[in-house]
C-alpha atoms as a PDB file:
ATOM      1  CA  MET A   1    -119.839  35.249 -77.458  1.00  0.00           C
ATOM      2  CA  THR A   2    -117.310  38.177 -76.014  1.00  0.00           C
ATOM      3  CA  ASN A   3    -114.272  38.565 -77.774  1.00  0.00           C
ATOM      4  CA  SER A   4    -112.293  37.939 -74.621  1.00  0.00           C
ATOM      5  CA  ALA A   5    -114.166  34.600 -74.199  1.00  0.00           C
ATOM      6  CA  LYS A   6    -113.809  33.669 -77.732  1.00  0.00           C
ATOM      7  CA  ALA A   7    -109.745  34.402 -77.454  1.00  0.00           C
ATOM      8  CA  LEU A   8    -110.075  31.675 -74.602  1.00  0.00           C
ATOM      9  CA  THR A   9    -111.428  29.197 -76.485  1.00  0.00           C
ATOM     10  CA  GLN A  10    -109.493  29.501 -79.251  1.00  0.00           C
ATOM     11  CA  TYR A  11    -106.572  27.162 -79.981  1.00  0.00           C
ATOM     12  CA  GLN A  12    -103.019  28.607 -79.671  1.00  0.00           C
ATOM     13  CA  PRO A  13    -100.697  26.461 -82.280  1.00  0.00           C
ATOM     14  CA  PRO A  14     -96.988  26.153 -80.860  1.00  0.00           C
ATOM     15  CA  SER A  15     -94.321  27.925 -82.552  1.00  0.00           C
ATOM     16  CA  GLU A  16     -91.876  25.695 -84.317  1.00  0.00           C
ATOM     17  CA  GLN A  17     -89.046  25.568 -81.628  1.00  0.00           C
ATOM     18  CA  GLN A  18     -92.193  24.861 -78.936  1.00  0.00           C
ATOM     19  CA  LEU A  19     -93.180  21.933 -81.306  1.00  0.00           C
ATOM     20  CA  ARG A  20     -89.762  20.660 -81.270  1.00  0.00           C
ATOM     21  CA  ASP A  21     -89.349  21.380 -77.675  1.00  0.00           C
ATOM     22  CA  ALA A  22     -92.518  19.615 -76.823  1.00  0.00           C
ATOM     23  CA  THR A  23     -91.582  16.205 -78.897  1.00  0.00           C
ATOM     24  CA  ALA A  24     -88.242  16.115 -77.431  1.00  0.00           C
ATOM     25  CA  VAL A  25     -89.886  15.993 -73.326  1.00  0.00           C
ATOM     26  CA  VAL A  26     -92.732  14.189 -74.524  1.00  0.00           C
ATOM     27  CA  GLU A  27     -90.111  11.506 -75.574  1.00  0.00           C
ATOM     28  CA  ARG A  28     -88.104  11.574 -72.359  1.00  0.00           C
ATOM     29  CA  PHE A  29     -91.055  12.127 -70.316  1.00  0.00           C
ATOM     30  CA  ALA A  30     -91.944   8.318 -72.131  1.00  0.00           C
ATOM     31  CA  GLN A  31     -88.206   6.670 -71.753  1.00  0.00           C
ATOM     32  CA  HIS A  32     -88.176   8.194 -68.138  1.00  0.00           C
ATOM     33  CA  TRP A  33     -91.642   6.116 -67.330  1.00  0.00           C
ATOM     34  CA  GLN A  34     -90.771   3.263 -68.874  1.00  0.00           C
ATOM     35  CA  ARG A  35     -88.778   1.988 -65.997  1.00  0.00           C
ATOM     36  CA  PRO A  36     -88.802   5.320 -63.204  1.00  0.00           C
ATOM     37  CA  VAL A  37     -86.008   6.372 -61.153  1.00  0.00           C
ATOM     38  CA  ALA A  38     -87.409   9.426 -59.201  1.00  0.00           C
ATOM     39  CA  GLU A  39     -84.003  10.884 -59.493  1.00  0.00           C
ATOM     40  CA  ASP A  40     -83.959  11.079 -62.778  1.00  0.00           C
ATOM     41  CA  LEU A  41     -87.469  12.946 -63.363  1.00  0.00           C
ATOM     42  CA  ARG A  42     -85.498  15.904 -62.560  1.00  0.00           C
ATOM     43  CA  ASP A  43     -84.331  15.649 -66.268  1.00  0.00           C
ATOM     44  CA  LEU A  44     -87.941  17.060 -67.426  1.00  0.00           C
ATOM     45  CA  MET A  45     -88.361  19.600 -64.713  1.00  0.00           C
ATOM     46  CA  HIS A  46     -86.529  23.572 -64.311  1.00  0.00           C
ATOM     47  CA  PRO A  47     -85.851  23.801 -60.383  1.00  0.00           C
ATOM     48  CA  ASP A  48     -88.817  26.343 -59.870  1.00  0.00           C
ATOM     49  CA  THR A  49     -91.468  24.122 -61.203  1.00  0.00           C
ATOM     50  CA  GLN A  50     -94.516  24.262 -59.370  1.00  0.00           C
ATOM     51  CA  ASN A  51     -96.315  20.746 -59.918  1.00  0.00           C
ATOM     52  CA  LEU A  52     -99.272  19.513 -58.001  1.00  0.00           C
ATOM     53  CA  ILE A  53     -99.768  15.873 -58.253  1.00  0.00           C
ATOM     54  CA  PRO A  54    -102.535  13.723 -56.759  1.00  0.00           C
ATOM     55  CA  PRO A  55    -102.827  13.692 -53.100  1.00  0.00           C
ATOM     56  CA  MET A  56    -100.194  16.328 -53.050  1.00  0.00           C
ATOM     57  CA  THR A  57    -102.892  19.530 -52.000  1.00  0.00           C
ATOM     58  CA  VAL A  58    -100.171  22.544 -52.900  1.00  0.00           C
ATOM     59  CA  PRO A  59     -97.718  22.683 -55.995  1.00  0.00           C
ATOM     60  CA  ALA A  60     -94.211  21.134 -54.972  1.00  0.00           C
ATOM     61  CA  ASP A  61     -91.043  22.347 -56.674  1.00  0.00           C
ATOM     62  CA  ARG A  62     -88.526  20.163 -58.274  1.00  0.00           C
ATOM     63  CA  GLU A  63     -87.392  18.707 -55.318  1.00  0.00           C
ATOM     64  CA  GLY A  64     -90.832  17.904 -53.475  1.00  0.00           C
ATOM     65  CA  VAL A  65     -91.458  16.264 -57.069  1.00  0.00           C
ATOM     66  CA  VAL A  66     -88.775  14.042 -56.533  1.00  0.00           C
ATOM     67  CA  ASP A  67     -89.716  13.466 -53.022  1.00  0.00           C
ATOM     68  CA  HIS A  68     -92.947  12.808 -54.679  1.00  0.00           C
ATOM     69  CA  PHE A  69     -92.500   9.937 -56.625  1.00  0.00           C
ATOM     70  CA  ARG A  70     -89.282   8.126 -54.700  1.00  0.00           C
ATOM     71  CA  GLU A  71     -92.144   7.113 -51.791  1.00  0.00           C
ATOM     72  CA  VAL A  72     -94.653   6.602 -54.557  1.00  0.00           C
ATOM     73  CA  LEU A  73     -92.067   3.969 -55.851  1.00  0.00           C
ATOM     74  CA  GLN A  74     -91.018   2.509 -52.959  1.00  0.00           C
ATOM     75  CA  ARG A  75     -95.106   1.286 -52.447  1.00  0.00           C
ATOM     76  CA  LEU A  76     -95.041   0.901 -56.360  1.00  0.00           C
ATOM     77  CA  PRO A  77     -92.065  -0.252 -57.173  1.00  0.00           C
ATOM     78  CA  ASP A  78     -93.193  -1.723 -60.574  1.00  0.00           C
ATOM     79  CA  LEU A  79     -95.304   1.532 -61.543  1.00  0.00           C
ATOM     80  CA  LYS A  80     -95.142   1.648 -65.682  1.00  0.00           C
ATOM     81  CA  VAL A  81     -96.508   4.734 -67.436  1.00  0.00           C
ATOM     82  CA  GLU A  82     -96.953   4.253 -71.079  1.00  0.00           C
ATOM     83  CA  VAL A  83     -98.075   7.644 -73.094  1.00  0.00           C
ATOM     84  CA  MET A  84    -101.324   7.230 -75.013  1.00  0.00           C
ATOM     85  CA  ARG A  85    -101.408  10.593 -76.979  1.00  0.00           C
ATOM     86  CA  TRP A  86    -100.410  13.727 -76.987  1.00  0.00           C
ATOM     87  CA  ALA A  87    -100.905  17.525 -77.966  1.00  0.00           C
ATOM     88  CA  PRO A  88     -99.209  20.684 -77.923  1.00  0.00           C
ATOM     89  CA  THR A  89    -100.838  23.910 -77.389  1.00  0.00           C
ATOM     90  CA  GLY A  90     -98.412  27.364 -76.837  1.00  0.00           C
ATOM     91  CA  ASP A  91     -95.982  26.128 -74.604  1.00  0.00           C
ATOM     92  CA  ALA A  92     -98.231  23.813 -73.098  1.00  0.00           C
ATOM     93  CA  VAL A  93     -98.153  20.167 -73.439  1.00  0.00           C
ATOM     94  CA  LEU A  94    -101.010  17.441 -72.876  1.00  0.00           C
ATOM     95  CA  ILE A  95    -100.054  13.869 -72.484  1.00  0.00           C
ATOM     96  CA  GLU A  96    -103.250  11.109 -71.601  1.00  0.00           C
ATOM     97  CA  TRP A  97    -101.506   7.810 -70.295  1.00  0.00           C
ATOM     98  CA  ARG A  98    -102.065   4.318 -68.697  1.00  0.00           C
ATOM     99  CA  ALA A  99    -100.376   3.709 -65.815  1.00  0.00           C
ATOM    100  CA  HIS A 100     -99.797  -0.091 -64.295  1.00  0.00           C
ATOM    101  CA  ALA A 101     -98.602  -1.488 -61.199  1.00  0.00           C
ATOM    102  CA  SER A 102     -99.032  -4.133 -58.660  1.00  0.00           C
ATOM    103  CA  VAL A 103    -101.001  -3.851 -55.958  1.00  0.00           C
ATOM    104  CA  ALA A 104    -101.348  -6.738 -53.123  1.00  0.00           C
ATOM    105  CA  GLY A 105    -100.318  -8.979 -55.652  1.00  0.00           C
ATOM    106  CA  GLU A 106    -102.764  -7.782 -58.169  1.00  0.00           C
ATOM    107  CA  ARG A 107    -102.176  -5.747 -61.681  1.00  0.00           C
ATOM    108  CA  LEU A 108    -103.841  -2.206 -61.843  1.00  0.00           C
ATOM    109  CA  ALA A 109    -103.959  -0.208 -64.429  1.00  0.00           C
ATOM    110  CA  TRP A 110    -105.691   3.297 -64.545  1.00  0.00           C
ATOM    111  CA  GLN A 111    -105.344   6.127 -66.987  1.00  0.00           C
ATOM    112  CA  GLY A 112    -104.773  10.100 -66.176  1.00  0.00           C
ATOM    113  CA  VAL A 113    -103.517  13.326 -67.984  1.00  0.00           C
ATOM    114  CA  ASP A 114    -100.956  15.397 -67.676  1.00  0.00           C
ATOM    115  CA  ARG A 115    -100.398  18.714 -68.285  1.00  0.00           C
ATOM    116  CA  PHE A 116     -97.382  21.106 -68.035  1.00  0.00           C
ATOM    117  CA  ASN A 117     -96.199  24.153 -69.947  1.00  0.00           C
ATOM    118  CA  LEU A 118     -92.495  23.983 -71.137  1.00  0.00           C
ATOM    119  CA  ARG A 119     -89.679  27.236 -70.799  1.00  0.00           C
ATOM    120  CA  GLY A 120     -87.390  25.366 -73.456  1.00  0.00           C
ATOM    121  CA  GLU A 121     -87.203  21.048 -72.798  1.00  0.00           C
ATOM    122  CA  ARG A 122     -88.387  21.352 -69.247  1.00  0.00           C
ATOM    123  CA  MET A 123     -91.225  22.425 -67.795  1.00  0.00           C
ATOM    124  CA  TYR A 124     -92.427  24.967 -65.156  1.00  0.00           C
ATOM    125  CA  GLN A 125     -95.397  24.376 -64.319  1.00  0.00           C
ATOM    126  CA  GLY A 126     -97.741  21.283 -64.182  1.00  0.00           C
ATOM    127  CA  GLN A 127    -100.651  19.255 -62.554  1.00  0.00           C
ATOM    128  CA  VAL A 128    -101.918  15.925 -63.312  1.00  0.00           C
ATOM    129  CA  TYR A 129    -105.480  14.034 -63.815  1.00  0.00           C
ATOM    130  CA  TRP A 130    -106.638  10.829 -62.613  1.00  0.00           C
ATOM    131  CA  ASP A 131    -110.108   9.677 -61.140  1.00  0.00           C
ATOM    132  CA  THR A 132    -108.012   9.655 -57.579  1.00  0.00           C
ATOM    133  CA  ARG A 133    -111.103   8.218 -55.668  1.00  0.00           C
ATOM    134  CA  ARG A 134    -111.387   5.111 -58.307  1.00  0.00           C
ATOM    135  CA  VAL A 135    -107.883   4.258 -57.960  1.00  0.00           C
ATOM    136  CA  ALA A 136    -108.094   4.376 -54.057  1.00  0.00           C
ATOM    137  CA  GLU A 137    -110.815   2.194 -54.892  1.00  0.00           C
ATOM    138  CA  GLN A 138    -109.032  -0.404 -56.862  1.00  0.00           C
ATOM    139  CA  PHE A 139    -106.002  -0.559 -54.615  1.00  0.00           C
ATOM    140  CA  ALA A 140    -108.250  -1.163 -51.106  1.00  0.00           C
ATOM    141  CA  ASP A 141    -110.366  -3.719 -53.026  1.00  0.00           C
ATOM    142  CA  ALA A 142    -106.833  -5.255 -54.321  1.00  0.00           C
ATOM    143  CA  ALA A 143    -105.865  -5.253 -50.604  1.00  0.00           C
ATOM    144  CA  ARG A 144    -108.970  -6.360 -49.236  1.00  0.00           C
ATOM    145  CA  ARG A 145    -109.203  -9.488 -51.776  1.00  0.00           C
ATOM    146  CA  ALA A 146    -105.639 -10.163 -50.738  1.00  0.00           C
ATOM    147  CA  GLN A 147    -106.272 -10.350 -47.333  1.00  0.00           C
ATOM    148  CA  GLU A 148    -109.568 -12.443 -47.810  1.00  0.00           C
ATOM    149  CA  ARG A 149    -106.939 -14.748 -49.639  1.00  0.00           C
ATOM    150  CA  GLY A 150    -104.660 -14.628 -46.307  1.00  0.00           C
ATOM    151  CA  ALA A 151    -101.620 -13.385 -48.221  1.00  0.00           C
ATOM    152  CA  SER A 152     -99.321 -11.095 -46.166  1.00  0.00           C
ATOM    153  CA  THR A 153     -98.687  -7.818 -48.276  1.00  0.00           C
ATOM    154  CA  ALA A 154     -97.715  -4.474 -46.567  1.00  0.00           C
ATOM    155  CA  PHE A 155     -98.971  -2.320 -49.010  1.00  0.00           C
ATOM    156  CA  ALA A 156    -102.589  -3.916 -47.554  1.00  0.00           C
ATOM    157  CA  VAL A 157    -102.106  -1.189 -45.302  1.00  0.00           C
ATOM    158  CA  ALA A 158    -101.219   1.385 -46.894  1.00  0.00           C
ATOM    159  CA  ALA A 159    -103.905   0.392 -50.381  1.00  0.00           C
ATOM    160  CA  GLY A 160    -105.651   4.074 -49.501  1.00  0.00           C
ATOM    161  CA  ALA A 161    -102.419   6.391 -49.728  1.00  0.00           C
ATOM    162  CA  GLY A 162    -103.399   7.531 -53.483  1.00  0.00           C
ATOM    163  CA  SER A 163    -106.245   9.000 -52.492  1.00  0.00           C
END
């Protein structure tokens, strides 16, 4: 292995301050996602953050992220995200989470990971990962089952919006 490849694969532990900042952000992240309000998520981000969250095709700044989650929470008003585990590395934090929401009368769940970089106790860059195809299929299946039951739901039409 070359020295440059070795440097890229080595774990970079956070400094004591980075660990304190990461711990504070993860605690706020967990708290905000227990009863999410889009506007309150500003607390986690610097104004100039660049975050990429499916189905976005380009990263958004803080206001773009708030707008994104305002729309998500209109469609999934009971969305909750619970932190399963997390780890810091340098100025980055990885959070593994499990989301729950009702879609067309069914309670659905999926897992994902947030990776973000911190400046102090706020993120300046982030990316979110989850199996978007599987989630879209879950939403579509729930909508189809609701239609088969004859249930009337506004969300049934928009069920594939997360892909």
